[in-house]
Every structure is written in C-alpha cells, then in structure tokens.
Amino acid sequence: MLPRLLPFVSLLLLTSAAFSQTADPKPLIDQAVAAVGGKDKLLTLFRIGETYHFGSNPEPDAGKKRSSRTSVLQPPEFWWIGTKERADEPAKFDVWAWTLGVLVDAKTKVEVLPDLTDEGKTHFGLRVSETITPAMDLYFDKTTSLLARIDWRSDFYRFSDYREHDGVQYAAKTIIFKKVGGKPWFFHDVTSVERLKELPAGLVKAVPAKP
C-alpha cells in the first residue's frame, strides 16, 4: 500500500511547493495589515510592560511569581530592557513579526503557504525570508485575519487576547512551544503598550541584530 501512495504524496508536495511559489502574497499581506489597523498604525517604536515565566504550565509553580519588566523596542534592530540594549538577540525578529512590520519591509521576500489547521481553526500562511534567517512562517486566522501563530527555528508561537492601542490591534498573550513534542515552555503577557515619538533619553543604539 505504501509504495502506491508515494506518487500521490510526491504530487501533493510538488503542488504545495508550486502554489507557494506562484500565488501572489500581496492581497493576504494587505488583509493582515488592514486587520490590525493599517500600515500607518503598525508599532515601530514603542514601550511595553511585560509579565512572563518559563515552564510548562500557564502559571508558575506554587510559591513562585511571574517575572515583570519594561521594554522599549524598535524592531528588528533594537530592544532595550531598562537601559541595556539586547544586541544580537533573535527574539527581536519575533517581535518584528508580532508587529507585522516584517510584512511591509520592501526587502522582505513573502511567499504564500498552504492553509494550516491549528486548534480547530483554519489559518492562511505567509513565509517571510531574506530579512529574517532562517525563513519564518506566519499564520493568520481566516476569520479575523489576525496573527495566530508563528513557526520559526525549533519553536512555534500561539497568539491570543487581542487588544487595541492608538488604533492598532496587538496580541497580548503569547505561548511558545517546542516543535518536537509540542510542549509549552514560555508564557508571556503584554500588560501595557505606549507608542513613542522618539527614543527615550539614556537609551543608546547598539549594533543592529543580524537576521
């Protein structure tokens, strides 16, 4: 039976690859960006309050508390925690994708992915590369067009609890899972967002992160 199925599996893979290479991503990019408020409303320089913890459960073990911090971000180049810039930190690219900034960067290559069903919902997918290495897969809820999931390197991220600040929608909750085994290992909440017009005093720009 298996040998008979191999040609069909190969055909399916080739069809998916051809679809990704030929489908025009612009309508889906426009749809995703419009869903959060439009290109002019995307977060580019901003401050966030955060709580987070590492572990496999949504809340820390008994007797422990979530950590908290305040960050200033200008993704994908800069991320300050307090006055310390995080330099060559890959998570800067996670945040850039979270803001959808990567989709509107002229240097980003965007390809359409086959739909993905995750937690009972169907998502359309976009693969971004050249400004991010390795390529990152972004999946958007087909009903709302909001970012629902990112697959990158050895992890996948699920986003929820959308909120609004100054005309832009953002996911307040993120859970990161290992692709191998599918277990969660990091829980993160954005507790506040503030759009900034200029870099706060005392923050120094380090060498930008490499994609």
N, C-alpha and C. Protein backbone atom coordinates (compact mmCIF):
# COMPACT_ATOMS: atom_id res chain seq x y z
N MET A 1 0.83 -1.21 0.00
CA MET A 1 0.00 0.00 0.00
C MET A 1 0.86 1.25 0.00
N LEU A 2 1.91 1.26 0.86
CA LEU A 2 2.75 2.44 0.97
C LEU A 2 3.39 2.84 -0.35
N PRO A 3 3.99 1.87 -1.11
CA PRO A 3 4.57 2.26 -2.39
C PRO A 3 3.56 2.89 -3.33
N ARG A 4 2.31 2.44 -3.28
CA ARG A 4 1.29 3.01 -4.15
C ARG A 4 0.95 4.46 -3.77
N LEU A 5 1.10 4.78 -2.48
CA LEU A 5 0.76 6.11 -2.02
C LEU A 5 1.87 7.13 -2.29
N LEU A 6 3.09 6.64 -2.45
CA LEU A 6 4.22 7.56 -2.61
C LEU A 6 4.06 8.53 -3.77
N PRO A 7 3.60 8.09 -4.95
CA PRO A 7 3.43 9.05 -6.04
C PRO A 7 2.43 10.16 -5.71
N PHE A 8 1.36 9.81 -4.98
CA PHE A 8 0.36 10.80 -4.62
C PHE A 8 0.92 11.79 -3.60
N VAL A 9 1.71 11.27 -2.65
CA VAL A 9 2.33 12.15 -1.66
C VAL A 9 3.30 13.11 -2.34
N SER A 10 4.08 12.58 -3.28
CA SER A 10 5.03 13.42 -4.00
C SER A 10 4.32 14.49 -4.80
N LEU A 11 3.21 14.10 -5.44
CA LEU A 11 2.43 15.08 -6.21
C LEU A 11 1.87 16.17 -5.31
N LEU A 12 1.40 15.78 -4.12
CA LEU A 12 0.86 16.77 -3.19
C LEU A 12 1.93 17.75 -2.76
N LEU A 13 3.13 17.26 -2.46
CA LEU A 13 4.23 18.13 -2.04
C LEU A 13 4.64 19.07 -3.16
N LEU A 14 4.69 18.56 -4.38
CA LEU A 14 5.05 19.39 -5.52
C LEU A 14 4.00 20.46 -5.78
N THR A 15 2.74 20.07 -5.62
CA THR A 15 1.64 21.03 -5.83
C THR A 15 1.70 22.14 -4.79
N SER A 16 1.96 21.78 -3.53
CA SER A 16 2.06 22.78 -2.46
C SER A 16 3.22 23.73 -2.71
N ALA A 17 4.35 23.16 -3.17
CA ALA A 17 5.53 23.98 -3.44
C ALA A 17 5.26 24.94 -4.59
N ALA A 18 4.61 24.44 -5.64
CA ALA A 18 4.29 25.28 -6.79
C ALA A 18 3.32 26.39 -6.40
N PHE A 19 2.35 26.06 -5.55
CA PHE A 19 1.38 27.05 -5.09
C PHE A 19 2.08 28.16 -4.33
N SER A 20 3.03 27.80 -3.47
CA SER A 20 3.74 28.80 -2.68
C SER A 20 4.55 29.74 -3.56
N GLN A 21 5.09 29.20 -4.64
CA GLN A 21 5.96 29.99 -5.50
C GLN A 21 5.18 30.90 -6.45
N THR A 22 3.94 30.55 -6.79
CA THR A 22 3.20 31.30 -7.80
C THR A 22 2.10 32.19 -7.24
N ALA A 23 1.53 31.88 -6.08
CA ALA A 23 0.44 32.68 -5.54
C ALA A 23 0.94 34.07 -5.14
N ASP A 24 0.14 35.09 -5.42
CA ASP A 24 0.50 36.46 -5.10
C ASP A 24 0.23 36.72 -3.62
N PRO A 25 1.26 37.06 -2.83
CA PRO A 25 1.04 37.25 -1.39
C PRO A 25 0.43 38.62 -1.05
N LYS A 26 0.46 39.58 -1.97
CA LYS A 26 0.04 40.95 -1.63
C LYS A 26 -1.37 41.05 -1.08
N PRO A 27 -2.37 40.39 -1.67
CA PRO A 27 -3.72 40.51 -1.09
C PRO A 27 -3.79 40.02 0.36
N LEU A 28 -3.03 38.96 0.67
CA LEU A 28 -3.04 38.45 2.04
C LEU A 28 -2.27 39.37 2.98
N ILE A 29 -1.19 39.96 2.48
CA ILE A 29 -0.45 40.93 3.29
C ILE A 29 -1.35 42.12 3.61
N ASP A 30 -2.01 42.64 2.59
CA ASP A 30 -2.90 43.79 2.79
C ASP A 30 -4.02 43.46 3.77
N GLN A 31 -4.53 42.23 3.65
CA GLN A 31 -5.62 41.79 4.52
C GLN A 31 -5.17 41.73 5.98
N ALA A 32 -3.97 41.17 6.22
CA ALA A 32 -3.45 41.04 7.58
C ALA A 32 -3.13 42.40 8.19
N VAL A 33 -2.52 43.27 7.39
CA VAL A 33 -2.15 44.60 7.89
C VAL A 33 -3.41 45.43 8.17
N ALA A 34 -4.39 45.34 7.28
CA ALA A 34 -5.64 46.08 7.50
C ALA A 34 -6.35 45.61 8.76
N ALA A 35 -6.25 44.32 9.07
CA ALA A 35 -6.95 43.75 10.23
C ALA A 35 -6.48 44.36 11.55
N VAL A 36 -5.21 44.77 11.59
CA VAL A 36 -4.69 45.34 12.84
C VAL A 36 -4.79 46.86 12.88
N GLY A 37 -5.22 47.47 11.77
CA GLY A 37 -5.39 48.92 11.78
C GLY A 37 -4.77 49.66 10.63
N GLY A 38 -3.99 48.95 9.79
CA GLY A 38 -3.37 49.59 8.64
C GLY A 38 -1.88 49.83 8.83
N LYS A 39 -1.17 50.00 7.72
CA LYS A 39 0.28 50.16 7.74
C LYS A 39 0.72 51.34 8.60
N ASP A 40 0.00 52.45 8.52
CA ASP A 40 0.40 53.65 9.26
C ASP A 40 0.26 53.50 10.77
N LYS A 41 -0.49 52.48 11.20
CA LYS A 41 -0.71 52.27 12.63
C LYS A 41 0.21 51.21 13.23
N LEU A 42 1.00 50.53 12.42
CA LEU A 42 1.88 49.49 12.95
C LEU A 42 2.85 50.08 13.96
N LEU A 43 3.16 49.29 14.98
CA LEU A 43 4.10 49.73 16.01
C LEU A 43 5.53 49.65 15.48
N THR A 44 6.25 50.77 15.55
CA THR A 44 7.62 50.82 15.07
C THR A 44 8.61 51.21 16.17
N LEU A 45 8.20 52.12 17.04
CA LEU A 45 8.99 52.49 18.23
C LEU A 45 8.00 52.59 19.38
N PHE A 46 8.19 51.75 20.39
CA PHE A 46 7.17 51.66 21.43
C PHE A 46 7.73 51.07 22.71
N ARG A 47 6.98 51.28 23.79
CA ARG A 47 7.33 50.74 25.11
C ARG A 47 6.23 49.76 25.52
N ILE A 48 6.63 48.63 26.10
CA ILE A 48 5.64 47.67 26.60
C ILE A 48 5.98 47.25 28.02
N GLY A 49 4.92 46.99 28.79
CA GLY A 49 5.07 46.33 30.07
C GLY A 49 4.83 44.84 29.85
N GLU A 50 5.58 44.01 30.55
CA GLU A 50 5.50 42.56 30.31
C GLU A 50 5.50 41.78 31.62
N THR A 51 4.80 40.66 31.61
CA THR A 51 4.98 39.63 32.64
C THR A 51 5.22 38.32 31.90
N TYR A 52 6.01 37.44 32.50
CA TYR A 52 6.37 36.20 31.82
C TYR A 52 6.90 35.18 32.81
N HIS A 53 6.87 33.94 32.36
CA HIS A 53 7.56 32.91 33.13
C HIS A 53 7.89 31.72 32.23
N PHE A 54 8.92 30.99 32.64
CA PHE A 54 9.34 29.79 31.93
C PHE A 54 8.75 28.57 32.60
N GLY A 55 8.23 27.64 31.82
CA GLY A 55 7.66 26.43 32.38
C GLY A 55 6.62 25.84 31.44
N SER A 56 6.06 24.71 31.85
CA SER A 56 5.11 24.00 31.00
C SER A 56 3.65 24.27 31.38
N ASN A 57 3.44 25.06 32.44
CA ASN A 57 2.08 25.38 32.88
C ASN A 57 1.80 26.87 32.73
N PRO A 58 0.54 27.24 32.51
CA PRO A 58 0.21 28.66 32.30
C PRO A 58 0.62 29.58 33.44
N GLU A 59 0.64 29.06 34.66
CA GLU A 59 1.05 29.86 35.80
C GLU A 59 2.25 29.22 36.49
N PRO A 60 3.08 30.01 37.16
CA PRO A 60 4.25 29.46 37.85
C PRO A 60 3.85 28.47 38.95
N ASP A 61 4.79 27.67 39.35
CA ASP A 61 4.55 26.73 40.43
C ASP A 61 4.20 27.47 41.72
N ALA A 62 3.55 26.76 42.62
CA ALA A 62 3.13 27.35 43.90
C ALA A 62 4.33 28.00 44.59
N GLY A 63 4.11 29.19 45.09
CA GLY A 63 5.16 29.90 45.79
C GLY A 63 6.04 30.77 44.90
N LYS A 64 5.83 30.67 43.59
CA LYS A 64 6.62 31.47 42.66
C LYS A 64 5.73 32.48 41.94
N LYS A 65 6.32 33.55 41.46
CA LYS A 65 5.58 34.59 40.75
C LYS A 65 6.16 34.79 39.36
N ARG A 66 5.33 35.37 38.52
CA ARG A 66 5.80 35.75 37.19
C ARG A 66 6.84 36.87 37.31
N SER A 67 7.76 36.89 36.38
CA SER A 67 8.70 38.00 36.29
C SER A 67 8.03 39.14 35.54
N SER A 68 8.50 40.35 35.77
CA SER A 68 7.97 41.52 35.06
C SER A 68 9.12 42.40 34.62
N ARG A 69 8.87 43.16 33.55
CA ARG A 69 9.89 44.07 33.05
C ARG A 69 9.22 45.09 32.13
N THR A 70 9.98 46.13 31.80
CA THR A 70 9.55 47.14 30.83
C THR A 70 10.58 47.18 29.72
N SER A 71 10.10 47.13 28.49
CA SER A 71 10.99 47.13 27.33
C SER A 71 10.65 48.29 26.41
N VAL A 72 11.66 48.83 25.76
CA VAL A 72 11.49 49.76 24.65
C VAL A 72 12.02 49.07 23.41
N LEU A 73 11.21 49.09 22.35
CA LEU A 73 11.55 48.33 21.15
C LEU A 73 11.45 49.18 19.89
N GLN A 74 12.38 48.90 18.99
CA GLN A 74 12.36 49.46 17.64
C GLN A 74 12.80 48.31 16.71
N PRO A 75 11.90 47.34 16.53
CA PRO A 75 12.29 46.12 15.82
C PRO A 75 12.46 46.36 14.30
N PRO A 76 13.36 45.59 13.65
CA PRO A 76 14.08 44.47 14.24
C PRO A 76 15.45 44.82 14.82
N GLU A 77 15.81 46.12 14.79
CA GLU A 77 17.18 46.45 15.18
C GLU A 77 17.41 46.52 16.68
N PHE A 78 16.46 47.08 17.42
CA PHE A 78 16.77 47.42 18.81
C PHE A 78 15.70 46.97 19.80
N TRP A 79 16.20 46.58 21.00
CA TRP A 79 15.33 46.19 22.11
C TRP A 79 16.07 46.49 23.41
N TRP A 80 15.53 47.43 24.17
CA TRP A 80 16.14 47.78 25.45
C TRP A 80 15.30 47.24 26.60
N ILE A 81 15.95 46.65 27.57
CA ILE A 81 15.33 46.31 28.84
C ILE A 81 16.00 47.19 29.87
N GLY A 82 15.24 48.14 30.42
CA GLY A 82 15.88 49.19 31.20
C GLY A 82 16.69 50.05 30.25
N THR A 83 17.98 50.19 30.50
CA THR A 83 18.85 50.95 29.59
C THR A 83 19.79 50.04 28.80
N LYS A 84 19.63 48.71 28.98
CA LYS A 84 20.53 47.77 28.31
C LYS A 84 19.93 47.30 26.99
N GLU A 85 20.67 47.50 25.90
CA GLU A 85 20.23 47.04 24.59
C GLU A 85 20.64 45.58 24.42
N ARG A 86 19.73 44.76 23.84
CA ARG A 86 19.93 43.32 23.82
C ARG A 86 20.85 42.83 22.70
N ALA A 87 21.37 43.75 21.90
CA ALA A 87 22.36 43.44 20.86
C ALA A 87 21.87 42.33 19.93
N ASP A 88 22.66 41.29 19.73
CA ASP A 88 22.33 40.26 18.75
C ASP A 88 21.37 39.24 19.34
N GLU A 89 20.12 39.65 19.56
CA GLU A 89 19.10 38.81 20.19
C GLU A 89 18.07 38.39 19.15
N PRO A 90 17.96 37.08 18.85
CA PRO A 90 17.00 36.62 17.83
C PRO A 90 15.55 36.99 18.12
N ALA A 91 15.19 37.15 19.40
CA ALA A 91 13.80 37.46 19.74
C ALA A 91 13.34 38.80 19.17
N LYS A 92 14.28 39.65 18.76
CA LYS A 92 13.90 40.89 18.11
C LYS A 92 13.08 40.63 16.86
N PHE A 93 13.39 39.54 16.18
CA PHE A 93 12.67 39.21 14.96
C PHE A 93 11.29 38.62 15.25
N ASP A 94 11.16 37.97 16.40
CA ASP A 94 9.83 37.54 16.84
C ASP A 94 8.92 38.76 17.00
N VAL A 95 9.46 39.79 17.67
CA VAL A 95 8.68 41.00 17.92
C VAL A 95 8.35 41.70 16.61
N TRP A 96 9.29 41.75 15.70
CA TRP A 96 9.06 42.39 14.40
C TRP A 96 7.91 41.71 13.67
N ALA A 97 7.89 40.38 13.73
CA ALA A 97 6.78 39.64 13.12
C ALA A 97 5.48 39.91 13.87
N TRP A 98 5.55 39.97 15.18
CA TRP A 98 4.36 40.25 16.02
C TRP A 98 3.72 41.59 15.66
N THR A 99 4.56 42.58 15.30
CA THR A 99 4.04 43.89 14.89
C THR A 99 3.58 43.89 13.44
N LEU A 100 3.92 42.86 12.67
CA LEU A 100 3.70 42.75 11.23
C LEU A 100 4.61 43.66 10.42
N GLY A 101 5.55 44.29 11.08
CA GLY A 101 6.49 45.16 10.37
C GLY A 101 7.27 44.43 9.28
N VAL A 102 7.57 43.16 9.52
CA VAL A 102 8.32 42.39 8.53
C VAL A 102 7.57 42.29 7.21
N LEU A 103 6.24 42.29 7.25
CA LEU A 103 5.44 42.13 6.03
C LEU A 103 5.49 43.36 5.13
N VAL A 104 5.75 44.52 5.70
CA VAL A 104 5.72 45.75 4.90
C VAL A 104 7.12 46.27 4.60
N ASP A 105 8.14 45.53 4.97
CA ASP A 105 9.51 45.90 4.64
C ASP A 105 9.79 45.51 3.19
N ALA A 106 10.26 46.45 2.39
CA ALA A 106 10.47 46.21 0.96
C ALA A 106 11.51 45.13 0.68
N LYS A 107 12.40 44.88 1.64
CA LYS A 107 13.45 43.89 1.43
C LYS A 107 13.00 42.47 1.78
N THR A 108 11.83 42.34 2.40
CA THR A 108 11.33 41.02 2.80
C THR A 108 10.76 40.28 1.60
N LYS A 109 11.15 39.03 1.45
CA LYS A 109 10.52 38.16 0.46
C LYS A 109 9.37 37.44 1.14
N VAL A 110 8.18 37.50 0.54
CA VAL A 110 6.99 36.89 1.13
C VAL A 110 6.41 35.86 0.17
N GLU A 111 6.14 34.67 0.67
CA GLU A 111 5.53 33.61 -0.13
C GLU A 111 4.27 33.11 0.57
N VAL A 112 3.31 32.68 -0.22
CA VAL A 112 2.07 32.13 0.32
C VAL A 112 2.27 30.67 0.68
N LEU A 113 1.79 30.28 1.86
CA LEU A 113 1.87 28.89 2.32
C LEU A 113 0.49 28.23 2.22
N PRO A 114 0.45 26.91 2.15
CA PRO A 114 -0.84 26.22 2.24
C PRO A 114 -1.51 26.52 3.58
N ASP A 115 -2.83 26.45 3.62
CA ASP A 115 -3.56 26.69 4.87
C ASP A 115 -3.13 25.70 5.94
N LEU A 116 -3.23 26.13 7.19
CA LEU A 116 -2.90 25.30 8.34
C LEU A 116 -4.10 25.27 9.28
N THR A 117 -4.44 24.09 9.78
CA THR A 117 -5.46 23.97 10.81
C THR A 117 -4.77 23.76 12.14
N ASP A 118 -5.05 24.65 13.09
CA ASP A 118 -4.41 24.60 14.41
C ASP A 118 -5.47 24.90 15.46
N GLU A 119 -5.59 24.02 16.44
CA GLU A 119 -6.58 24.15 17.50
C GLU A 119 -7.99 24.35 16.92
N GLY A 120 -8.28 23.63 15.87
CA GLY A 120 -9.62 23.64 15.29
C GLY A 120 -9.93 24.83 14.40
N LYS A 121 -8.96 25.73 14.20
CA LYS A 121 -9.17 26.89 13.35
C LYS A 121 -8.27 26.83 12.12
N THR A 122 -8.78 27.35 11.00
CA THR A 122 -8.02 27.35 9.76
C THR A 122 -7.32 28.69 9.59
N HIS A 123 -6.04 28.63 9.25
CA HIS A 123 -5.23 29.83 9.08
C HIS A 123 -4.63 29.88 7.68
N PHE A 124 -4.52 31.08 7.13
CA PHE A 124 -3.72 31.24 5.92
C PHE A 124 -2.31 31.59 6.33
N GLY A 125 -1.34 31.21 5.50
CA GLY A 125 0.05 31.34 5.90
C GLY A 125 0.89 32.16 4.94
N LEU A 126 1.88 32.85 5.50
CA LEU A 126 2.86 33.62 4.73
C LEU A 126 4.25 33.30 5.25
N ARG A 127 5.16 33.01 4.35
CA ARG A 127 6.56 32.76 4.73
C ARG A 127 7.38 33.99 4.41
N VAL A 128 8.14 34.47 5.40
CA VAL A 128 8.99 35.64 5.21
C VAL A 128 10.45 35.21 5.28
N SER A 129 11.25 35.78 4.39
CA SER A 129 12.67 35.44 4.35
C SER A 129 13.47 36.64 3.83
N GLU A 130 14.79 36.44 3.78
CA GLU A 130 15.77 37.43 3.34
C GLU A 130 16.02 38.52 4.38
N THR A 131 14.99 39.05 5.02
CA THR A 131 15.21 39.95 6.15
C THR A 131 15.24 39.18 7.47
N ILE A 132 14.82 37.92 7.43
CA ILE A 132 14.87 37.03 8.59
C ILE A 132 15.46 35.70 8.14
N THR A 133 16.43 35.19 8.90
CA THR A 133 17.08 33.92 8.59
C THR A 133 17.12 33.05 9.84
N PRO A 134 16.67 31.77 9.76
CA PRO A 134 16.02 31.13 8.61
C PRO A 134 14.63 31.72 8.37
N ALA A 135 13.99 31.28 7.27
CA ALA A 135 12.67 31.77 6.95
C ALA A 135 11.71 31.52 8.11
N MET A 136 10.75 32.43 8.27
CA MET A 136 9.76 32.35 9.35
C MET A 136 8.38 32.22 8.73
N ASP A 137 7.55 31.35 9.31
CA ASP A 137 6.18 31.13 8.81
C ASP A 137 5.18 31.80 9.73
N LEU A 138 4.35 32.67 9.17
CA LEU A 138 3.32 33.38 9.92
C LEU A 138 1.95 32.87 9.48
N TYR A 139 1.10 32.58 10.45
CA TYR A 139 -0.25 32.07 10.14
C TYR A 139 -1.30 32.99 10.74
N PHE A 140 -2.34 33.27 9.95
CA PHE A 140 -3.37 34.23 10.33
C PHE A 140 -4.74 33.57 10.33
N ASP A 141 -5.52 33.85 11.35
CA ASP A 141 -6.88 33.33 11.45
C ASP A 141 -7.68 33.75 10.23
N LYS A 142 -8.27 32.78 9.53
CA LYS A 142 -9.00 33.09 8.31
C LYS A 142 -10.26 33.91 8.56
N THR A 143 -10.78 33.85 9.76
CA THR A 143 -11.99 34.61 10.08
C THR A 143 -11.68 36.07 10.39
N THR A 144 -10.62 36.32 11.16
CA THR A 144 -10.30 37.69 11.60
C THR A 144 -9.11 38.30 10.85
N SER A 145 -8.29 37.47 10.21
CA SER A 145 -7.04 37.88 9.55
C SER A 145 -5.99 38.35 10.55
N LEU A 146 -6.17 38.04 11.84
CA LEU A 146 -5.19 38.40 12.86
C LEU A 146 -4.14 37.30 13.01
N LEU A 147 -2.93 37.71 13.32
CA LEU A 147 -1.84 36.75 13.52
C LEU A 147 -2.19 35.78 14.63
N ALA A 148 -2.11 34.48 14.33
CA ALA A 148 -2.48 33.45 15.30
C ALA A 148 -1.29 32.57 15.69
N ARG A 149 -0.31 32.46 14.78
CA ARG A 149 0.77 31.52 15.04
C ARG A 149 2.00 31.90 14.22
N ILE A 150 3.17 31.64 14.79
CA ILE A 150 4.45 31.75 14.08
C ILE A 150 5.20 30.45 14.27
N ASP A 151 5.78 29.93 13.21
CA ASP A 151 6.69 28.79 13.28
C ASP A 151 8.07 29.29 12.88
N TRP A 152 9.02 29.14 13.78
CA TRP A 152 10.38 29.64 13.49
C TRP A 152 11.41 28.83 14.26
N ARG A 153 12.42 28.42 13.55
CA ARG A 153 13.50 27.63 14.12
C ARG A 153 12.93 26.39 14.84
N SER A 154 13.21 26.21 16.09
CA SER A 154 12.77 24.98 16.77
C SER A 154 11.46 25.16 17.55
N ASP A 155 10.81 26.32 17.37
CA ASP A 155 9.62 26.62 18.18
C ASP A 155 8.43 27.02 17.31
N PHE A 156 7.25 26.97 17.93
CA PHE A 156 6.10 27.65 17.35
C PHE A 156 5.40 28.46 18.44
N TYR A 157 4.78 29.55 18.03
CA TYR A 157 4.21 30.54 18.94
C TYR A 157 2.71 30.63 18.65
N ARG A 158 1.91 30.71 19.69
CA ARG A 158 0.47 30.95 19.54
C ARG A 158 0.14 32.29 20.19
N PHE A 159 -0.67 33.09 19.49
CA PHE A 159 -1.02 34.43 19.93
C PHE A 159 -2.52 34.53 20.18
N SER A 160 -2.89 35.29 21.21
CA SER A 160 -4.31 35.44 21.55
C SER A 160 -4.53 36.72 22.34
N ASP A 161 -5.77 36.93 22.78
CA ASP A 161 -6.16 38.07 23.60
C ASP A 161 -5.80 39.40 22.93
N TYR A 162 -6.38 39.63 21.77
CA TYR A 162 -6.09 40.87 21.04
C TYR A 162 -6.69 42.08 21.74
N ARG A 163 -5.89 43.14 21.79
CA ARG A 163 -6.30 44.40 22.39
C ARG A 163 -5.93 45.54 21.44
N GLU A 164 -6.35 46.76 21.81
CA GLU A 164 -6.12 47.91 20.94
C GLU A 164 -5.39 49.01 21.66
N HIS A 165 -4.44 49.63 20.96
CA HIS A 165 -3.75 50.81 21.48
C HIS A 165 -3.52 51.78 20.33
N ASP A 166 -4.01 52.97 20.47
CA ASP A 166 -3.77 54.03 19.49
C ASP A 166 -4.02 53.57 18.05
N GLY A 167 -5.12 52.83 17.87
CA GLY A 167 -5.53 52.44 16.53
C GLY A 167 -4.93 51.17 15.99
N VAL A 168 -4.12 50.47 16.78
CA VAL A 168 -3.52 49.21 16.31
C VAL A 168 -3.94 48.06 17.22
N GLN A 169 -4.25 46.93 16.62
CA GLN A 169 -4.56 45.71 17.37
C GLN A 169 -3.26 44.93 17.61
N TYR A 170 -3.13 44.38 18.80
CA TYR A 170 -1.95 43.57 19.11
C TYR A 170 -2.34 42.40 19.99
N ALA A 171 -1.61 41.30 19.86
CA ALA A 171 -1.86 40.12 20.68
C ALA A 171 -1.19 40.31 22.04
N ALA A 172 -1.98 40.26 23.10
CA ALA A 172 -1.43 40.48 24.44
C ALA A 172 -0.83 39.21 25.04
N LYS A 173 -1.24 38.05 24.54
CA LYS A 173 -0.75 36.79 25.10
C LYS A 173 0.02 35.99 24.04
N THR A 174 1.16 35.46 24.47
CA THR A 174 1.97 34.59 23.62
C THR A 174 2.39 33.37 24.43
N ILE A 175 2.27 32.21 23.82
CA ILE A 175 2.79 30.98 24.41
C ILE A 175 3.74 30.37 23.38
N ILE A 176 4.93 30.02 23.82
CA ILE A 176 5.91 29.40 22.91
C ILE A 176 6.02 27.92 23.23
N PHE A 177 5.98 27.11 22.17
CA PHE A 177 6.04 25.66 22.27
C PHE A 177 7.25 25.12 21.51
N LYS A 178 7.76 23.99 21.95
CA LYS A 178 8.78 23.28 21.19
C LYS A 178 8.11 22.50 20.07
N LYS A 179 8.67 22.57 18.86
CA LYS A 179 8.10 21.81 17.75
C LYS A 179 8.18 20.31 18.04
N VAL A 180 9.30 19.89 18.58
CA VAL A 180 9.46 18.48 18.92
C VAL A 180 8.76 18.21 20.25
N GLY A 181 7.70 17.46 20.22
CA GLY A 181 6.96 17.15 21.44
C GLY A 181 5.78 18.08 21.69
N GLY A 182 5.83 19.29 21.16
CA GLY A 182 4.70 20.22 21.28
C GLY A 182 4.43 20.76 22.67
N LYS A 183 5.43 20.71 23.57
CA LYS A 183 5.20 21.19 24.93
C LYS A 183 5.49 22.69 25.05
N PRO A 184 4.63 23.42 25.79
CA PRO A 184 4.91 24.85 26.02
C PRO A 184 6.09 25.01 26.96
N TRP A 185 6.83 26.11 26.78
CA TRP A 185 7.96 26.36 27.68
C TRP A 185 8.09 27.83 28.08
N PHE A 186 7.26 28.71 27.47
CA PHE A 186 7.36 30.13 27.81
C PHE A 186 6.00 30.79 27.66
N PHE A 187 5.58 31.52 28.71
CA PHE A 187 4.30 32.22 28.72
C PHE A 187 4.57 33.71 28.90
N HIS A 188 3.95 34.53 28.05
CA HIS A 188 4.26 35.95 28.04
C HIS A 188 2.97 36.76 27.87
N ASP A 189 2.84 37.82 28.66
CA ASP A 189 1.71 38.74 28.56
C ASP A 189 2.21 40.17 28.41
N VAL A 190 1.63 40.87 27.46
CA VAL A 190 1.88 42.30 27.33
C VAL A 190 0.83 43.01 28.18
N THR A 191 1.27 43.72 29.19
CA THR A 191 0.35 44.36 30.14
C THR A 191 0.06 45.82 29.78
N SER A 192 0.92 46.41 28.95
CA SER A 192 0.68 47.80 28.52
C SER A 192 1.49 48.07 27.25
N VAL A 193 1.00 49.00 26.45
CA VAL A 193 1.69 49.43 25.23
C VAL A 193 1.64 50.95 25.17
N GLU A 194 2.77 51.56 24.80
CA GLU A 194 2.83 53.00 24.61
C GLU A 194 3.62 53.29 23.34
N ARG A 195 2.96 53.91 22.36
CA ARG A 195 3.66 54.31 21.15
C ARG A 195 4.55 55.51 21.49
N LEU A 196 5.81 55.50 21.00
CA LEU A 196 6.76 56.57 21.28
C LEU A 196 7.06 57.37 20.02
N LYS A 197 7.22 58.67 20.17
CA LYS A 197 7.58 59.53 19.05
C LYS A 197 9.08 59.64 18.87
N GLU A 198 9.81 59.43 19.95
CA GLU A 198 11.27 59.48 19.89
C GLU A 198 11.86 58.57 20.94
N LEU A 199 13.12 58.25 20.76
CA LEU A 199 13.80 57.36 21.70
C LEU A 199 13.97 58.04 23.05
N PRO A 200 13.57 57.38 24.14
CA PRO A 200 13.72 57.99 25.47
C PRO A 200 15.18 58.31 25.79
N ALA A 201 15.39 59.34 26.55
CA ALA A 201 16.74 59.75 26.95
C ALA A 201 17.44 58.62 27.70
N GLY A 202 18.72 58.48 27.44
CA GLY A 202 19.51 57.49 28.14
C GLY A 202 19.65 56.16 27.42
N LEU A 203 18.90 55.96 26.33
CA LEU A 203 18.99 54.71 25.57
C LEU A 203 19.94 54.90 24.39
N VAL A 204 20.88 53.96 24.27
CA VAL A 204 21.90 54.05 23.23
C VAL A 204 21.72 52.90 22.25
N LYS A 205 21.78 53.21 20.96
CA LYS A 205 21.64 52.20 19.93
C LYS A 205 22.92 51.41 19.76
N ALA A 206 22.83 50.08 19.91
CA ALA A 206 23.99 49.20 19.70
C ALA A 206 24.01 48.79 18.25
N VAL A 207 24.91 47.84 17.92
CA VAL A 207 24.96 47.31 16.55
C VAL A 207 23.68 46.55 16.29
N PRO A 208 22.97 46.81 15.16
CA PRO A 208 21.71 46.13 14.90
C PRO A 208 21.85 44.61 14.87
N ALA A 209 20.79 43.90 15.24
CA ALA A 209 20.79 42.44 15.21
C ALA A 209 20.87 41.94 13.79
N LYS A 210 21.49 40.78 13.62
CA LYS A 210 21.60 40.16 12.29
C LYS A 210 20.38 39.27 12.06
N PRO A 211 19.84 39.29 10.81
CA PRO A 211 18.67 38.44 10.54
C PRO A 211 19.02 36.97 10.57
